[in-house]
C-alpha cells in the first residue's frame, strides 16, 4: 500500500528527450518503491545489483546502503513519506526536490519535516551515483540532521 503516490504527469517537462523521460520514469519508480511504498524486496530485486556510488557519507555504497537506512527509518516512522515537489532531468542526471515527513499529520505542512534535493546518475538503466542535500525545516529535524551527520560510512567525497 502506497503512503504517497508520485505523479509523473505533474512533474514532466515538454523539453525532456525520450531518454530523459525514460530516466525520469526509472528514478521515480525507484523512489516510489523505496520511499513511499516501502517495498524493499522490489528495490532489492530490481536495483540491488546496480553499481550505486553513494555520495551521502552517512550511507554505505550500493543500493543496500540506502535500503538499510530507509528500512531502519520506517521501523521507527512507518508513516515516512517522500512528497516530490519538483523534478529536473539533464541527460543522465535526475534531480528531485521533495518534502519529506515522518508522520502523516505533518504531510503538507511546510513548517515540518525535511527539504531534500536528491540527484541520481542513470547509465544503461542502472543507478550509478547518488548525491543529496538535506535541510531540516523544523527545529526537531535540524537536531536530527546534526546528530546523524557525523557518522561517515563510505570513503566517497561529496563531489
Protein backbone atom coordinates (compact mmCIF):
# COMPACT_ATOMS: atom_id res chain seq x y z
CA UNK A 1 0.00 0.00 0.00
CA UNK A 2 1.38 3.37 -1.03
CA UNK A 3 1.67 6.16 1.50
CA UNK A 4 2.03 8.80 -1.22
CA UNK A 5 1.73 8.32 -4.99
CA UNK A 6 4.16 10.29 -7.17
CA UNK A 7 2.55 11.52 -10.39
CA UNK A 8 4.99 11.85 -13.30
CA UNK A 9 2.46 13.80 -15.40
CA UNK A 10 2.56 16.67 -12.89
CA UNK A 11 6.38 16.77 -12.97
CA UNK A 12 7.18 16.08 -16.63
CA UNK A 13 8.67 18.84 -18.78
CA UNK A 14 7.96 19.11 -22.51
CA UNK A 15 11.66 19.79 -23.15
CA UNK A 16 12.78 16.34 -21.98
CA UNK A 17 14.10 13.98 -24.64
CA UNK A 18 12.78 10.42 -24.84
CA UNK A 19 15.89 9.22 -22.96
CA UNK A 20 15.41 11.85 -20.27
CA UNK A 21 11.76 10.82 -19.88
CA UNK A 22 12.89 7.19 -19.61
CA UNK A 23 15.45 8.14 -16.92
CA UNK A 24 12.79 10.15 -15.05
CA UNK A 25 10.38 7.18 -15.03
CA UNK A 26 13.19 4.84 -13.97
CA UNK A 27 14.19 7.00 -10.98
CA UNK A 28 10.58 7.75 -9.99
CA UNK A 29 9.84 4.02 -9.84
CA UNK A 30 12.85 3.56 -7.55
CA UNK A 31 11.78 6.49 -5.35
CA UNK A 32 8.13 5.40 -5.23
CA UNK A 33 9.00 1.83 -4.28
CA UNK A 34 11.54 2.65 -1.56
CA UNK A 35 10.33 5.95 -0.12
CA UNK A 36 6.55 5.70 -0.30
CA UNK A 37 5.58 2.06 -0.88
CA UNK A 38 8.36 0.80 1.41
CA UNK A 39 8.60 -2.18 -0.97
CA UNK A 40 12.16 -3.08 -0.08
CA UNK A 41 12.03 -6.50 -1.75
CA UNK A 42 11.12 -4.89 -5.09
CA UNK A 43 14.05 -2.49 -4.74
CA UNK A 44 16.46 -5.34 -3.90
CA UNK A 45 15.26 -7.39 -6.87
CA UNK A 46 15.25 -4.57 -9.42
CA UNK A 47 18.02 -2.22 -8.28
CA UNK A 48 20.12 -4.36 -5.91
CA UNK A 49 22.89 -5.13 -8.40
CA UNK A 50 23.43 -1.53 -9.54
CA UNK A 51 26.92 -0.03 -9.05
CA UNK A 52 25.42 2.67 -6.82
CA UNK A 53 28.16 5.03 -5.60
CA UNK A 54 26.76 6.88 -2.59
CA UNK A 55 27.88 10.48 -2.01
CA UNK A 56 25.81 10.82 1.16
CA UNK A 57 28.60 10.00 3.59
CA UNK A 58 26.18 8.63 6.22
CA UNK A 59 25.29 5.64 4.00
CA UNK A 60 27.35 2.81 2.60
CA UNK A 61 27.79 2.37 -1.15
CA UNK A 62 25.34 0.34 -3.17
CA UNK A 63 21.56 0.19 -3.07
CA UNK A 64 21.84 -1.80 0.17
CA UNK A 65 23.13 1.33 1.93
CA UNK A 66 20.01 3.35 1.22
CA UNK A 67 17.81 0.27 1.74
CA UNK A 68 19.30 -0.27 5.18
CA UNK A 69 18.84 3.39 6.15
CA UNK A 70 15.24 3.64 4.94
CA UNK A 71 14.30 0.23 6.38
CA UNK A 72 15.51 1.33 9.83
CA UNK A 73 13.82 4.71 9.50
CA UNK A 74 10.49 3.05 8.59
CA UNK A 75 10.67 0.81 11.65
CA UNK A 76 10.59 3.92 13.83
CA UNK A 77 8.46 6.06 11.49
CA UNK A 78 6.18 3.79 9.42
CA UNK A 79 4.37 6.85 8.03
CA UNK A 80 7.61 8.22 6.50
CA UNK A 81 6.69 9.86 3.19
CA UNK A 82 8.52 11.48 0.29
CA UNK A 83 6.38 14.12 -1.47
CA UNK A 84 8.04 15.08 -4.77
CA UNK A 85 7.58 18.77 -5.48
CA UNK A 86 9.87 19.29 -8.50
CA UNK A 87 11.84 17.13 -10.90
CA UNK A 88 14.67 18.15 -13.21
CA UNK A 89 16.31 15.93 -15.80
CA UNK A 90 19.50 16.69 -17.71
CA UNK A 91 20.72 13.73 -19.74
CA UNK A 92 21.85 11.02 -17.30
CA UNK A 93 21.08 13.14 -14.21
CA UNK A 94 17.71 13.17 -12.48
CA UNK A 95 17.16 15.62 -9.61
CA UNK A 96 14.14 15.60 -7.34
CA UNK A 97 13.21 18.23 -4.76
CA UNK A 98 10.97 16.75 -2.10
CA UNK A 99 9.22 17.47 1.16
CA UNK A 100 9.84 14.54 3.49
CA UNK A 101 7.76 13.96 6.59
CA UNK A 102 7.94 11.29 9.25
CA UNK A 103 4.31 11.40 10.39
CA UNK A 104 1.10 11.55 8.35
CA UNK A 105 -0.10 14.51 10.45
CA UNK A 106 2.84 16.58 9.14
CA UNK A 107 2.21 15.96 5.41
CA UNK A 108 1.61 19.16 3.53
CA UNK A 109 2.80 21.33 6.44
CA UNK A 110 5.66 23.47 5.05
CA UNK A 111 6.91 24.08 8.61
CA UNK A 112 7.59 20.39 9.36
CA UNK A 113 9.92 17.73 8.01
CA UNK A 114 12.83 17.91 5.62
CA UNK A 115 13.54 19.64 2.32
CA UNK A 116 15.67 17.24 0.26
CA UNK A 117 17.34 17.52 -3.12
CA UNK A 118 18.38 14.13 -4.49
CA UNK A 119 20.33 13.64 -7.70
CA UNK A 120 20.84 10.26 -9.33
CA UNK A 121 23.02 9.44 -12.31
CA UNK A 122 21.47 6.77 -14.55
CA UNK A 123 23.58 4.91 -17.11
CA UNK A 124 22.26 1.96 -19.14
CA UNK A 125 19.24 1.52 -16.86
CA UNK A 126 21.34 1.41 -13.73
CA UNK A 127 21.67 3.93 -10.93
CA UNK A 128 25.40 4.52 -10.76
CA UNK A 129 25.65 7.52 -8.40
CA UNK A 130 23.58 9.46 -5.85
CA UNK A 131 24.02 12.84 -4.16
CA UNK A 132 21.71 14.64 -1.77
CA UNK A 133 21.32 17.82 0.22
CA UNK A 134 19.12 17.57 3.30
CA UNK A 135 17.69 20.58 5.12
CA UNK A 136 15.77 20.20 8.36
CA UNK A 137 12.76 22.51 8.28
CA UNK A 138 11.67 22.46 11.92
CA UNK A 139 13.91 22.55 14.99
CA UNK A 140 13.49 18.83 15.73
CA UNK A 141 14.54 17.81 12.21
CA UNK A 142 17.52 20.17 12.29
CA UNK A 143 18.69 18.50 15.52
CA UNK A 144 18.27 15.02 13.99
CA UNK A 145 20.33 16.11 10.97
CA UNK A 146 23.15 17.35 13.23
CA UNK A 147 23.12 14.16 15.33
CA UNK A 148 23.24 11.84 12.31
CA UNK A 149 25.53 13.92 10.13
CA UNK A 150 28.81 12.96 11.75
CA UNK A 151 28.97 9.20 11.14
CA UNK A 152 30.93 8.57 7.92
CA UNK A 153 30.10 5.21 6.32
CA UNK A 154 31.89 5.49 2.96
CA UNK A 155 35.13 6.96 1.65
CA UNK A 156 33.50 8.86 -1.22
CA UNK A 157 33.68 12.61 -1.31
CA UNK A 158 30.60 14.74 -1.68
CA UNK A 159 31.58 15.51 -5.28
